[in-house]
Amino acid sequence: MGFFYFAALLWLPLYVALGVFLGILAASVWSSGVCERLLNKKDPGEVVIDEIASIPMVLWPIAYYPHLPPWIWVAGFIAFRVFDIAKPFPIKQLQCIRGGWGILVDDLVAAIFASGVLWLIGH
């Protein structure tokens, strides 16, 4: 999936890549909300589209720096998972939001934090 996002960022015009990303986010919010209602669980572990939809936020700053070594991609994934699992402030507090947005928003913020880490490593 990461390769798909990388390819979209490199070979599509920026506005098209942004449209694809926003479309995936919208599908994630909708489907996560449906799953939460059907499973009758808050942020069910069976739902992983929120992690998939958040990955572009991690990769965005490094996609335009082809000189960076491939291990940066791995570091981005690891940083994202660390922030997603540890849930430092304010990520944990965002879990009080209900529905599809509540499932997605904590992962988006974890991705933004991981993206910041990658940006610092790259500079």
PDB file of N, CA and C in Angstrom:
ATOM      1  N   MET A   1       0.822  -1.194   0.000  1.00  0.00           N
ATOM      2  CA  MET A   1       0.000   0.000   0.000  1.00  0.00           C
ATOM      3  C   MET A   1       0.864   1.256   0.000  1.00  0.00           C
ATOM      4  N   GLY A   2       1.978   1.204   0.724  1.00  0.00           N
ATOM      5  CA  GLY A   2       2.882   2.347   0.758  1.00  0.00           C
ATOM      6  C   GLY A   2       3.402   2.696  -0.618  1.00  0.00           C
ATOM      7  N   PHE A   3       3.690   1.665  -1.438  1.00  0.00           N
ATOM      8  CA  PHE A   3       4.178   1.912  -2.790  1.00  0.00           C
ATOM      9  C   PHE A   3       3.110   2.619  -3.618  1.00  0.00           C
ATOM     10  N   PHE A   4       1.862   2.238  -3.444  1.00  0.00           N
ATOM     11  CA  PHE A   4       0.767   2.885  -4.168  1.00  0.00           C
ATOM     12  C   PHE A   4       0.738   4.377  -3.856  1.00  0.00           C
ATOM     13  N   TYR A   5       0.840   4.716  -2.576  1.00  0.00           N
ATOM     14  CA  TYR A   5       0.820   6.124  -2.188  1.00  0.00           C
ATOM     15  C   TYR A   5       2.034   6.866  -2.727  1.00  0.00           C
ATOM     16  N   PHE A   6       3.204   6.220  -2.647  1.00  0.00           N
ATOM     17  CA  PHE A   6       4.421   6.834  -3.160  1.00  0.00           C
ATOM     18  C   PHE A   6       4.282   7.107  -4.657  1.00  0.00           C
ATOM     19  N   ALA A   7       3.774   6.124  -5.395  1.00  0.00           N
ATOM     20  CA  ALA A   7       3.579   6.283  -6.842  1.00  0.00           C
ATOM     21  C   ALA A   7       2.580   7.401  -7.129  1.00  0.00           C
ATOM     22  N   ALA A   8       1.517   7.457  -6.363  1.00  0.00           N
ATOM     23  CA  ALA A   8       0.516   8.509  -6.560  1.00  0.00           C
ATOM     24  C   ALA A   8       1.133   9.881  -6.334  1.00  0.00           C
ATOM     25  N   LEU A   9       1.956  10.008  -5.303  1.00  0.00           N
ATOM     26  CA  LEU A   9       2.583  11.296  -5.011  1.00  0.00           C
ATOM     27  C   LEU A   9       3.585  11.702  -6.085  1.00  0.00           C
ATOM     28  N   LEU A  10       4.315  10.748  -6.626  1.00  0.00           N
ATOM     29  CA  LEU A  10       5.349  11.064  -7.610  1.00  0.00           C
ATOM     30  C   LEU A  10       4.814  11.263  -9.018  1.00  0.00           C
ATOM     31  N   TRP A  11       3.851  10.449  -9.443  1.00  0.00           N
ATOM     32  CA  TRP A  11       3.473  10.438 -10.841  1.00  0.00           C
ATOM     33  C   TRP A  11       2.143  11.099 -11.148  1.00  0.00           C
ATOM     34  N   LEU A  12       1.400  11.419 -10.150  1.00  0.00           N
ATOM     35  CA  LEU A  12       0.148  12.126 -10.389  1.00  0.00           C
ATOM     36  C   LEU A  12       0.334  13.600 -10.047  1.00  0.00           C
ATOM     37  N   PRO A  13      -0.411  14.469 -10.705  1.00  0.00           N
ATOM     38  CA  PRO A  13      -0.380  15.869 -10.278  1.00  0.00           C
ATOM     39  C   PRO A  13      -0.799  15.957  -8.803  1.00  0.00           C
ATOM     40  N   LEU A  14      -0.257  16.906  -8.099  1.00  0.00           N
ATOM     41  CA  LEU A  14      -0.503  17.032  -6.667  1.00  0.00           C
ATOM     42  C   LEU A  14      -1.992  17.081  -6.337  1.00  0.00           C
ATOM     43  N   TYR A  15      -2.773  17.818  -7.118  1.00  0.00           N
ATOM     44  CA  TYR A  15      -4.209  17.916  -6.823  1.00  0.00           C
ATOM     45  C   TYR A  15      -4.923  16.575  -6.998  1.00  0.00           C
ATOM     46  N   VAL A  16      -4.460  15.746  -7.933  1.00  0.00           N
ATOM     47  CA  VAL A  16      -5.065  14.427  -8.119  1.00  0.00           C
ATOM     48  C   VAL A  16      -4.682  13.512  -6.953  1.00  0.00           C
ATOM     49  N   ALA A  17      -3.395  13.523  -6.567  1.00  0.00           N
ATOM     50  CA  ALA A  17      -2.945  12.719  -5.420  1.00  0.00           C
ATOM     51  C   ALA A  17      -3.701  13.137  -4.159  1.00  0.00           C
ATOM     52  N   LEU A  18      -3.901  14.433  -3.988  1.00  0.00           N
ATOM     53  CA  LEU A  18      -4.649  14.925  -2.829  1.00  0.00           C
ATOM     54  C   LEU A  18      -6.102  14.453  -2.890  1.00  0.00           C
ATOM     55  N   GLY A  19      -6.684  14.454  -4.081  1.00  0.00           N
ATOM     56  CA  GLY A  19      -8.054  13.960  -4.243  1.00  0.00           C
ATOM     57  C   GLY A  19      -8.176  12.484  -3.902  1.00  0.00           C
ATOM     58  N   VAL A  20      -7.196  11.684  -4.336  1.00  0.00           N
ATOM     59  CA  VAL A  20      -7.192  10.249  -4.006  1.00  0.00           C
ATOM     60  C   VAL A  20      -7.108  10.076  -2.497  1.00  0.00           C
ATOM     61  N   PHE A  21      -6.197  10.815  -1.869  1.00  0.00           N
ATOM     62  CA  PHE A  21      -6.030  10.739  -0.416  1.00  0.00           C
ATOM     63  C   PHE A  21      -7.315  11.127   0.306  1.00  0.00           C
ATOM     64  N   LEU A  22      -7.941  12.209  -0.098  1.00  0.00           N
ATOM     65  CA  LEU A  22      -9.187  12.644   0.550  1.00  0.00           C
ATOM     66  C   LEU A  22     -10.315  11.639   0.323  1.00  0.00           C
ATOM     67  N   GLY A  23     -10.343  11.023  -0.855  1.00  0.00           N
ATOM     68  CA  GLY A  23     -11.340   9.986  -1.129  1.00  0.00           C
ATOM     69  C   GLY A  23     -11.165   8.777  -0.218  1.00  0.00           C
ATOM     70  N   ILE A  24      -9.920   8.377  -0.017  1.00  0.00           N
ATOM     71  CA  ILE A  24      -9.640   7.255   0.887  1.00  0.00           C
ATOM     72  C   ILE A  24     -10.010   7.623   2.323  1.00  0.00           C
ATOM     73  N   LEU A  25      -9.726   8.861   2.716  1.00  0.00           N
ATOM     74  CA  LEU A  25     -10.127   9.304   4.069  1.00  0.00           C
ATOM     75  C   LEU A  25     -11.645   9.261   4.225  1.00  0.00           C
ATOM     76  N   ALA A  26     -12.369   9.743   3.226  1.00  0.00           N
ATOM     77  CA  ALA A  26     -13.839   9.735   3.300  1.00  0.00           C
ATOM     78  C   ALA A  26     -14.372   8.304   3.389  1.00  0.00           C
ATOM     79  N   ALA A  27     -13.814   7.404   2.572  1.00  0.00           N
ATOM     80  CA  ALA A  27     -14.232   6.001   2.628  1.00  0.00           C
ATOM     81  C   ALA A  27     -13.910   5.394   3.986  1.00  0.00           C
ATOM     82  N   SER A  28     -12.794   5.793   4.561  1.00  0.00           N
ATOM     83  CA  SER A  28     -12.399   5.286   5.872  1.00  0.00           C
ATOM     84  C   SER A  28     -13.357   5.750   6.968  1.00  0.00           C
ATOM     85  N   VAL A  29     -13.701   7.025   6.938  1.00  0.00           N
ATOM     86  CA  VAL A  29     -14.632   7.551   7.948  1.00  0.00           C
ATOM     87  C   VAL A  29     -15.972   6.841   7.846  1.00  0.00           C
ATOM     88  N   TRP A  30     -16.488   6.733   6.637  1.00  0.00           N
ATOM     89  CA  TRP A  30     -17.791   6.096   6.442  1.00  0.00           C
ATOM     90  C   TRP A  30     -17.761   4.627   6.861  1.00  0.00           C
ATOM     91  N   SER A  31     -16.806   3.853   6.323  1.00  0.00           N
ATOM     92  CA  SER A  31     -16.793   2.407   6.597  1.00  0.00           C
ATOM     93  C   SER A  31     -16.459   2.108   8.055  1.00  0.00           C
ATOM     94  N   SER A  32     -15.610   2.915   8.665  1.00  0.00           N
ATOM     95  CA  SER A  32     -15.293   2.713  10.082  1.00  0.00           C
ATOM     96  C   SER A  32     -16.515   2.943  10.953  1.00  0.00           C
ATOM     97  N   GLY A  33     -17.275   3.981  10.614  1.00  0.00           N
ATOM     98  CA  GLY A  33     -18.495   4.258  11.363  1.00  0.00           C
ATOM     99  C   GLY A  33     -19.510   3.135  11.237  1.00  0.00           C
ATOM    100  N   VAL A  34     -19.656   2.598  10.026  1.00  0.00           N
ATOM    101  CA  VAL A  34     -20.567   1.474   9.800  1.00  0.00           C
ATOM    102  C   VAL A  34     -20.116   0.268  10.623  1.00  0.00           C
ATOM    103  N   CYS A  35     -18.828  -0.046  10.584  1.00  0.00           N
ATOM    104  CA  CYS A  35     -18.301  -1.198  11.338  1.00  0.00           C
ATOM    105  C   CYS A  35     -18.489  -1.014  12.835  1.00  0.00           C
ATOM    106  N   GLU A  36     -18.275   0.203  13.327  1.00  0.00           N
ATOM    107  CA  GLU A  36     -18.454   0.462  14.751  1.00  0.00           C
ATOM    108  C   GLU A  36     -19.899   0.174  15.172  1.00  0.00           C
ATOM    109  N   ARG A  37     -20.851   0.587  14.347  1.00  0.00           N
ATOM    110  CA  ARG A  37     -22.261   0.334  14.660  1.00  0.00           C
ATOM    111  C   ARG A  37     -22.599  -1.155  14.555  1.00  0.00           C
ATOM    112  N   LEU A  38     -22.140  -1.807  13.495  1.00  0.00           N
ATOM    113  CA  LEU A  38     -22.458  -3.229  13.297  1.00  0.00           C
ATOM    114  C   LEU A  38     -21.835  -4.114  14.374  1.00  0.00           C
ATOM    115  N   LEU A  39     -20.607  -3.809  14.762  1.00  0.00           N
ATOM    116  CA  LEU A  39     -19.907  -4.618  15.770  1.00  0.00           C
ATOM    117  C   LEU A  39     -20.252  -4.183  17.189  1.00  0.00           C
ATOM    118  N   ASN A  40     -20.913  -3.030  17.298  1.00  0.00           N
ATOM    119  CA  ASN A  40     -21.295  -2.484  18.595  1.00  0.00           C
ATOM    120  C   ASN A  40     -20.087  -2.359  19.530  1.00  0.00           C
ATOM    121  N   LYS A  41     -18.970  -1.875  18.973  1.00  0.00           N
ATOM    122  CA  LYS A  41     -17.735  -1.655  19.730  1.00  0.00           C
ATOM    123  C   LYS A  41     -17.177  -0.293  19.348  1.00  0.00           C
ATOM    124  N   LYS A  42     -16.587   0.375  20.321  1.00  0.00           N
ATOM    125  CA  LYS A  42     -15.905   1.635  20.033  1.00  0.00           C
ATOM    126  C   LYS A  42     -14.510   1.321  19.496  1.00  0.00           C
ATOM    127  N   ASP A  43     -14.169   1.878  18.357  1.00  0.00           N
ATOM    128  CA  ASP A  43     -12.884   1.679  17.674  1.00  0.00           C
ATOM    129  C   ASP A  43     -12.484   0.201  17.641  1.00  0.00           C
ATOM    130  N   PRO A  44     -13.285  -0.625  16.948  1.00  0.00           N
ATOM    131  CA  PRO A  44     -13.011  -2.064  16.927  1.00  0.00           C
ATOM    132  C   PRO A  44     -11.657  -2.388  16.294  1.00  0.00           C
ATOM    133  N   GLY A  45     -10.946  -3.320  16.879  1.00  0.00           N
ATOM    134  CA  GLY A  45      -9.640  -3.733  16.395  1.00  0.00           C
ATOM    135  C   GLY A  45      -9.692  -4.380  15.024  1.00  0.00           C
ATOM    136  N   GLU A  46     -10.856  -4.876  14.650  1.00  0.00           N
ATOM    137  CA  GLU A  46     -11.008  -5.509  13.333  1.00  0.00           C
ATOM    138  C   GLU A  46     -10.916  -4.494  12.197  1.00  0.00           C
ATOM    139  N   VAL A  47     -11.096  -3.231  12.513  1.00  0.00           N
ATOM    140  CA  VAL A  47     -11.059  -2.168  11.505  1.00  0.00           C
ATOM    141  C   VAL A  47      -9.620  -1.671  11.366  1.00  0.00           C
ATOM    142  N   VAL A  48      -9.052  -1.828  10.176  1.00  0.00           N
ATOM    143  CA  VAL A  48      -7.675  -1.373   9.940  1.00  0.00           C
ATOM    144  C   VAL A  48      -7.583  -0.332   8.825  1.00  0.00           C
ATOM    145  N   ILE A  49      -8.710   0.027   8.225  1.00  0.00           N
ATOM    146  CA  ILE A  49      -8.662   1.016   7.157  1.00  0.00           C
ATOM    147  C   ILE A  49      -8.178   2.371   7.675  1.00  0.00           C
ATOM    148  N   ASP A  50      -8.361   2.631   8.973  1.00  0.00           N
ATOM    149  CA  ASP A  50      -7.885   3.902   9.523  1.00  0.00           C
ATOM    150  C   ASP A  50      -6.360   3.996   9.465  1.00  0.00           C
ATOM    151  N   GLU A  51      -5.679   2.887   9.724  1.00  0.00           N
ATOM    152  CA  GLU A  51      -4.220   2.881   9.607  1.00  0.00           C
ATOM    153  C   GLU A  51      -3.801   3.022   8.149  1.00  0.00           C
ATOM    154  N   ILE A  52      -4.481   2.311   7.265  1.00  0.00           N
ATOM    155  CA  ILE A  52      -4.156   2.369   5.834  1.00  0.00           C
ATOM    156  C   ILE A  52      -4.379   3.777   5.295  1.00  0.00           C
ATOM    157  N   ALA A  53      -5.468   4.406   5.680  1.00  0.00           N
ATOM    158  CA  ALA A  53      -5.785   5.746   5.189  1.00  0.00           C
ATOM    159  C   ALA A  53      -4.836   6.804   5.747  1.00  0.00           C
ATOM    160  N   SER A  54      -4.196   6.527   6.875  1.00  0.00           N
ATOM    161  CA  SER A  54      -3.316   7.512   7.512  1.00  0.00           C
ATOM    162  C   SER A  54      -1.888   7.491   6.986  1.00  0.00           C
ATOM    163  N   ILE A  55      -1.484   6.405   6.371  1.00  0.00           N
ATOM    164  CA  ILE A  55      -0.102   6.261   5.899  1.00  0.00           C
ATOM    165  C   ILE A  55       0.351   7.396   4.965  1.00  0.00           C
ATOM    166  N   PRO A  56      -0.494   7.929   4.076  1.00  0.00           N
ATOM    167  CA  PRO A  56       0.006   9.034   3.238  1.00  0.00           C
ATOM    168  C   PRO A  56       0.502  10.230   4.039  1.00  0.00           C
ATOM    169  N   MET A  57      -0.079  10.464   5.193  1.00  0.00           N
ATOM    170  CA  MET A  57       0.385  11.579   6.029  1.00  0.00           C
ATOM    171  C   MET A  57       1.819  11.356   6.496  1.00  0.00           C
ATOM    172  N   VAL A  58       2.211  10.112   6.662  1.00  0.00           N
ATOM    173  CA  VAL A  58       3.588   9.795   7.060  1.00  0.00           C
ATOM    174  C   VAL A  58       4.519   9.981   5.868  1.00  0.00           C
ATOM    175  N   LEU A  59       4.095   9.500   4.705  1.00  0.00           N
ATOM    176  CA  LEU A  59       4.960   9.473   3.536  1.00  0.00           C
ATOM    177  C   LEU A  59       5.057  10.793   2.791  1.00  0.00           C
ATOM    178  N   TRP A  60       4.094  11.664   2.966  1.00  0.00           N
ATOM    179  CA  TRP A  60       4.041  12.892   2.188  1.00  0.00           C
ATOM    180  C   TRP A  60       5.357  13.684   2.206  1.00  0.00           C
ATOM    181  N   PRO A  61       5.943  13.949   3.348  1.00  0.00           N
ATOM    182  CA  PRO A  61       7.156  14.781   3.322  1.00  0.00           C
ATOM    183  C   PRO A  61       8.370  14.097   2.693  1.00  0.00           C
ATOM    184  N   ILE A  62       8.403  12.769   2.669  1.00  0.00           N
ATOM    185  CA  ILE A  62       9.589  12.108   2.116  1.00  0.00           C
ATOM    186  C   ILE A  62       9.423  11.734   0.652  1.00  0.00           C
ATOM    187  N   ALA A  63       8.207  11.778   0.139  1.00  0.00           N
ATOM    188  CA  ALA A  63       7.991  11.383  -1.255  1.00  0.00           C
ATOM    189  C   ALA A  63       8.699  12.328  -2.226  1.00  0.00           C
ATOM    190  N   TYR A  64       8.909  13.562  -1.832  1.00  0.00           N
ATOM    191  CA  TYR A  64       9.526  14.542  -2.717  1.00  0.00           C
ATOM    192  C   TYR A  64      11.033  14.677  -2.496  1.00  0.00           C
ATOM    193  N   TYR A  65      11.601  13.763  -1.717  1.00  0.00           N
ATOM    194  CA  TYR A  65      13.044  13.753  -1.473  1.00  0.00           C
ATOM    195  C   TYR A  65      13.606  12.400  -1.893  1.00  0.00           C
ATOM    196  N   PRO A  66      13.818  12.195  -3.182  1.00  0.00           N
ATOM    197  CA  PRO A  66      14.264  10.883  -3.659  1.00  0.00           C
ATOM    198  C   PRO A  66      15.674  10.514  -3.192  1.00  0.00           C
ATOM    199  N   HIS A  67      16.434  11.484  -2.684  1.00  0.00           N
ATOM    200  CA  HIS A  67      17.790  11.197  -2.219  1.00  0.00           C
ATOM    201  C   HIS A  67      17.816  10.485  -0.869  1.00  0.00           C
ATOM    202  N   LEU A  68      16.680  10.429  -0.182  1.00  0.00           N
ATOM    203  CA  LEU A  68      16.650   9.788   1.127  1.00  0.00           C
ATOM    204  C   LEU A  68      16.760   8.271   0.971  1.00  0.00           C
ATOM    205  N   PRO A  69      17.468   7.628   1.867  1.00  0.00           N
ATOM    206  CA  PRO A  69      17.640   6.175   1.763  1.00  0.00           C
ATOM    207  C   PRO A  69      16.329   5.421   2.035  1.00  0.00           C
ATOM    208  N   PRO A  70      16.205   4.200   1.518  1.00  0.00           N
ATOM    209  CA  PRO A  70      14.966   3.416   1.683  1.00  0.00           C
ATOM    210  C   PRO A  70      14.612   3.123   3.142  1.00  0.00           C
ATOM    211  N   TRP A  71      15.591   3.089   4.033  1.00  0.00           N
ATOM    212  CA  TRP A  71      15.272   2.791   5.431  1.00  0.00           C
ATOM    213  C   TRP A  71      14.389   3.870   6.048  1.00  0.00           C
ATOM    214  N   ILE A  72      14.338   5.055   5.426  1.00  0.00           N
ATOM    215  CA  ILE A  72      13.466   6.125   5.928  1.00  0.00           C
ATOM    216  C   ILE A  72      12.003   5.667   5.879  1.00  0.00           C
ATOM    217  N   TRP A  73      11.635   4.897   4.837  1.00  0.00           N
ATOM    218  CA  TRP A  73      10.272   4.376   4.733  1.00  0.00           C
ATOM    219  C   TRP A  73       9.958   3.463   5.913  1.00  0.00           C
ATOM    220  N   VAL A  74      10.908   2.614   6.237  1.00  0.00           N
ATOM    221  CA  VAL A  74      10.730   1.701   7.374  1.00  0.00           C
ATOM    222  C   VAL A  74      10.642   2.506   8.661  1.00  0.00           C
ATOM    223  N   ALA A  75      11.511   3.501   8.804  1.00  0.00           N
ATOM    224  CA  ALA A  75      11.480   4.356   9.996  1.00  0.00           C
ATOM    225  C   ALA A  75      10.133   5.062  10.115  1.00  0.00           C
ATOM    226  N   GLY A  76       9.570   5.482   8.984  1.00  0.00           N
ATOM    227  CA  GLY A  76       8.257   6.140   9.002  1.00  0.00           C
ATOM    228  C   GLY A  76       7.169   5.213   9.498  1.00  0.00           C
ATOM    229  N   PHE A  77       7.180   3.984   9.000  1.00  0.00           N
ATOM    230  CA  PHE A  77       6.182   3.008   9.442  1.00  0.00           C
ATOM    231  C   PHE A  77       6.340   2.721  10.937  1.00  0.00           C
ATOM    232  N   ILE A  78       7.574   2.533  11.393  1.00  0.00           N
ATOM    233  CA  ILE A  78       7.821   2.243  12.811  1.00  0.00           C
ATOM    234  C   ILE A  78       7.400   3.427  13.676  1.00  0.00           C
ATOM    235  N   ALA A  79       7.759   4.642  13.255  1.00  0.00           N
ATOM    236  CA  ALA A  79       7.370   5.829  14.032  1.00  0.00           C
ATOM    237  C   ALA A  79       5.845   5.943  14.109  1.00  0.00           C
ATOM    238  N   PHE A  80       5.183   5.683  12.994  1.00  0.00           N
ATOM    239  CA  PHE A  80       3.717   5.733  12.987  1.00  0.00           C
ATOM    240  C   PHE A  80       3.131   4.732  13.964  1.00  0.00           C
ATOM    241  N   ARG A  81       3.612   3.497  13.933  1.00  0.00           N
ATOM    242  CA  ARG A  81       3.086   2.463  14.827  1.00  0.00           C
ATOM    243  C   ARG A  81       3.369   2.801  16.290  1.00  0.00           C
ATOM    244  N   VAL A  82       4.554   3.346  16.570  1.00  0.00           N
ATOM    245  CA  VAL A  82       4.878   3.728  17.953  1.00  0.00           C
ATOM    246  C   VAL A  82       3.902   4.798  18.445  1.00  0.00           C
ATOM    247  N   PHE A  83       3.692   5.840  17.653  1.00  0.00           N
ATOM    248  CA  PHE A  83       2.740   6.887  18.058  1.00  0.00           C
ATOM    249  C   PHE A  83       1.317   6.347  18.136  1.00  0.00           C
ATOM    250  N   ASP A  84       0.947   5.458  17.232  1.00  0.00           N
ATOM    251  CA  ASP A  84      -0.408   4.901  17.221  1.00  0.00           C
ATOM    252  C   ASP A  84      -0.656   4.006  18.427  1.00  0.00           C
ATOM    253  N   ILE A  85       0.345   3.251  18.835  1.00  0.00           N
ATOM    254  CA  ILE A  85       0.176   2.347  19.977  1.00  0.00           C
ATOM    255  C   ILE A  85       0.334   3.083  21.311  1.00  0.00           C
ATOM    256  N   ALA A  86       1.372   3.931  21.417  1.00  0.00           N
ATOM    257  CA  ALA A  86       1.641   4.637  22.685  1.00  0.00           C
ATOM    258  C   ALA A  86       0.608   5.718  22.959  1.00  0.00           C
ATOM    259  N   LYS A  87       0.090   6.323  21.912  1.00  0.00           N
ATOM    260  CA  LYS A  87      -0.924   7.369  22.008  1.00  0.00           C
ATOM    261  C   LYS A  87      -0.549   8.482  22.997  1.00  0.00           C
ATOM    262  N   PRO A  88       0.568   9.189  22.734  1.00  0.00           N
ATOM    263  CA  PRO A  88       0.922  10.316  23.609  1.00  0.00           C
ATOM    264  C   PRO A  88      -0.086  11.454  23.434  1.00  0.00           C
ATOM    265  N   PHE A  89      -0.047  12.419  24.341  1.00  0.00           N
ATOM    266  CA  PHE A  89      -0.924  13.591  24.248  1.00  0.00           C
ATOM    267  C   PHE A  89      -0.689  14.275  22.917  1.00  0.00           C
ATOM    268  N   PRO A  90      -1.689  14.662  22.220  1.00  0.00           N
ATOM    269  CA  PRO A  90      -3.126  14.638  22.442  1.00  0.00           C
ATOM    270  C   PRO A  90      -3.827  13.451  21.771  1.00  0.00           C
ATOM    271  N   ILE A  91      -3.070  12.479  21.285  1.00  0.00           N
ATOM    272  CA  ILE A  91      -3.674  11.384  20.515  1.00  0.00           C
ATOM    273  C   ILE A  91      -4.689  10.611  21.345  1.00  0.00           C
ATOM    274  N   LYS A  92      -4.347  10.270  22.562  1.00  0.00           N
ATOM    275  CA  LYS A  92      -5.259   9.489  23.410  1.00  0.00           C
ATOM    276  C   LYS A  92      -6.563  10.245  23.669  1.00  0.00           C
ATOM    277  N   GLN A  93      -6.468  11.544  23.862  1.00  0.00           N
ATOM    278  CA  GLN A  93      -7.660  12.346  24.147  1.00  0.00           C
ATOM    279  C   GLN A  93      -8.611  12.402  22.954  1.00  0.00           C
ATOM    280  N   LEU A  94      -8.093  12.194  21.765  1.00  0.00           N
ATOM    281  CA  LEU A  94      -8.936  12.244  20.566  1.00  0.00           C
ATOM    282  C   LEU A  94      -9.829  11.020  20.435  1.00  0.00           C
ATOM    283  N   GLN A  95      -9.559   9.981  21.182  1.00  0.00           N
ATOM    284  CA  GLN A  95     -10.365   8.768  21.088  1.00  0.00           C
ATOM    285  C   GLN A  95     -11.766   8.940  21.665  1.00  0.00           C
ATOM    286  N   CYS A  96     -12.027  10.060  22.311  1.00  0.00           N
ATOM    287  CA  CYS A  96     -13.375  10.282  22.856  1.00  0.00           C
ATOM    288  C   CYS A  96     -14.379  10.636  21.762  1.00  0.00           C
ATOM    289  N   ILE A  97     -13.881  10.973  20.571  1.00  0.00           N
ATOM    290  CA  ILE A  97     -14.762  11.288  19.447  1.00  0.00           C
ATOM    291  C   ILE A  97     -15.427   9.990  18.981  1.00  0.00           C
ATOM    292  N   ARG A  98     -16.722  10.042  18.758  1.00  0.00           N
ATOM    293  CA  ARG A  98     -17.467   8.839  18.377  1.00  0.00           C
ATOM    294  C   ARG A  98     -17.568   8.721  16.859  1.00  0.00           C
ATOM    295  N   GLY A  99     -17.863   7.543  16.407  1.00  0.00           N
ATOM    296  CA  GLY A  99     -18.113   7.287  15.000  1.00  0.00           C
ATOM    297  C   GLY A  99     -16.836   7.135  14.186  1.00  0.00           C
ATOM    298  N   GLY A 100     -17.005   7.225  12.869  1.00  0.00           N
ATOM    299  CA  GLY A 100     -15.897   7.037  11.957  1.00  0.00           C
ATOM    300  C   GLY A 100     -14.774   8.041  12.149  1.00  0.00           C
ATOM    301  N   TRP A 101     -15.129   9.292  12.439  1.00  0.00           N
ATOM    302  CA  TRP A 101     -14.083  10.291  12.681  1.00  0.00           C
ATOM    303  C   TRP A 101     -13.276   9.947  13.919  1.00  0.00           C
ATOM    304  N   GLY A 102     -13.921   9.435  14.933  1.00  0.00           N
ATOM    305  CA  GLY A 102     -13.213   9.049  16.151  1.00  0.00           C
ATOM    306  C   GLY A 102     -12.227   7.922  15.912  1.00  0.00           C
ATOM    307  N   ILE A 103     -12.574   7.025  15.000  1.00  0.00           N
ATOM    308  CA  ILE A 103     -11.682   5.912  14.677  1.00  0.00           C
ATOM    309  C   ILE A 103     -10.479   6.417  13.872  1.00  0.00           C
ATOM    310  N   LEU A 104     -10.721   7.374  12.976  1.00  0.00           N
ATOM    311  CA  LEU A 104      -9.670   7.839  12.072  1.00  0.00           C
ATOM    312  C   LEU A 104      -8.771   8.917  12.658  1.00  0.00           C
ATOM    313  N   VAL A 105      -9.317   9.850  13.412  1.00  0.00           N
ATOM    314  CA  VAL A 105      -8.561  11.055  13.769  1.00  0.00           C
ATOM    315  C   VAL A 105      -7.322  10.764  14.624  1.00  0.00           C
ATOM    316  N   ASP A 106      -7.378   9.794  15.528  1.00  0.00           N
ATOM    317  CA  ASP A 106      -6.186   9.506  16.336  1.00  0.00           C
ATOM    318  C   ASP A 106      -5.062   8.943  15.464  1.00  0.00           C
ATOM    319  N   ASP A 107      -5.425   8.170  14.436  1.00  0.00           N
ATOM    320  CA  ASP A 107      -4.409   7.647  13.517  1.00  0.00           C
ATOM    321  C   ASP A 107      -3.828   8.753  12.640  1.00  0.00           C
ATOM    322  N   LEU A 108      -4.662   9.698  12.228  1.00  0.00           N
ATOM    323  CA  LEU A 108      -4.155  10.819  11.440  1.00  0.00           C
ATOM    324  C   LEU A 108      -3.161  11.653  12.235  1.00  0.00           C
ATOM    325  N   VAL A 109      -3.459  11.904  13.491  1.00  0.00           N
ATOM    326  CA  VAL A 109      -2.538  12.694  14.320  1.00  0.00           C
ATOM    327  C   VAL A 109      -1.259  11.904  14.587  1.00  0.00           C
ATOM    328  N   ALA A 110      -1.365  10.598  14.814  1.00  0.00           N
ATOM    329  CA  ALA A 110      -0.166   9.767  14.967  1.00  0.00           C
ATOM    330  C   ALA A 110       0.680   9.826  13.696  1.00  0.00           C
ATOM    331  N   ALA A 111       0.031   9.836  12.535  1.00  0.00           N
ATOM    332  CA  ALA A 111       0.749   9.929  11.267  1.00  0.00           C
ATOM    333  C   ALA A 111       1.433  11.286  11.111  1.00  0.00           C
ATOM    334  N   ILE A 112       0.777  12.338  11.553  1.00  0.00           N
ATOM    335  CA  ILE A 112       1.384  13.672  11.488  1.00  0.00           C
ATOM    336  C   ILE A 112       2.613  13.729  12.389  1.00  0.00           C
ATOM    337  N   PHE A 113       2.518  13.161  13.583  1.00  0.00           N
ATOM    338  CA  PHE A 113       3.679  13.108  14.486  1.00  0.00           C
ATOM    339  C   PHE A 113       4.825  12.333  13.833  1.00  0.00           C
ATOM    340  N   ALA A 114       4.509  11.167  13.248  1.00  0.00           N
ATOM    341  CA  ALA A 114       5.539  10.348  12.592  1.00  0.00           C
ATOM    342  C   ALA A 114       6.136  11.111  11.402  1.00  0.00           C
ATOM    343  N   SER A 115       5.306  11.830  10.689  1.00  0.00           N
ATOM    344  CA  SER A 115       5.780  12.633   9.574  1.00  0.00           C
ATOM    345  C   SER A 115       6.763  13.693  10.056  1.00  0.00           C
ATOM    346  N   GLY A 116       6.470  14.295  11.189  1.00  0.00           N
ATOM    347  CA  GLY A 116       7.396  15.265  11.777  1.00  0.00           C
ATOM    348  C   GLY A 116       8.740  14.645  12.130  1.00  0.00           C
ATOM    349  N   VAL A 117       8.695  13.445  12.654  1.00  0.00           N
ATOM    350  CA  VAL A 117       9.942  12.724  12.971  1.00  0.00           C
ATOM    351  C   VAL A 117      10.741  12.497  11.695  1.00  0.00           C
ATOM    352  N   LEU A 118      10.086  12.055  10.631  1.00  0.00           N
ATOM    353  CA  LEU A 118      10.777  11.821   9.360  1.00  0.00           C
ATOM    354  C   LEU A 118      11.341  13.115   8.784  1.00  0.00           C
ATOM    355  N   TRP A 119      10.588  14.172   8.916  1.00  0.00           N
ATOM    356  CA  TRP A 119      11.074  15.464   8.417  1.00  0.00           C
ATOM    357  C   TRP A 119      12.343  15.859   9.167  1.00  0.00           C
ATOM    358  N   LEU A 120      12.339  15.672  10.486  1.00  0.00           N
ATOM    359  CA  LEU A 120      13.539  15.989  11.273  1.00  0.00           C
ATOM    360  C   LEU A 120      14.724  15.114  10.871  1.00  0.00           C
ATOM    361  N   ILE A 121      14.487  13.828  10.640  1.00  0.00           N
ATOM    362  CA  ILE A 121      15.554  12.925  10.218  1.00  0.00           C
ATOM    363  C   ILE A 121      16.100  13.362   8.855  1.00  0.00           C
ATOM    364  N   GLY A 122      15.213  13.749   7.962  1.00  0.00           N
ATOM    365  CA  GLY A 122      15.622  14.148   6.617  1.00  0.00           C
ATOM    366  C   GLY A 122      16.378  15.454   6.555  1.00  0.00           C
ATOM    367  N   HIS A 123      16.205  16.270   7.573  1.00  0.00           N
ATOM    368  CA  HIS A 123      16.893  17.553   7.581  1.00  0.00           C
ATOM    369  C   HIS A 123      17.967  17.544   8.623  1.00  0.00           C
TER     370      HIS A 123
END
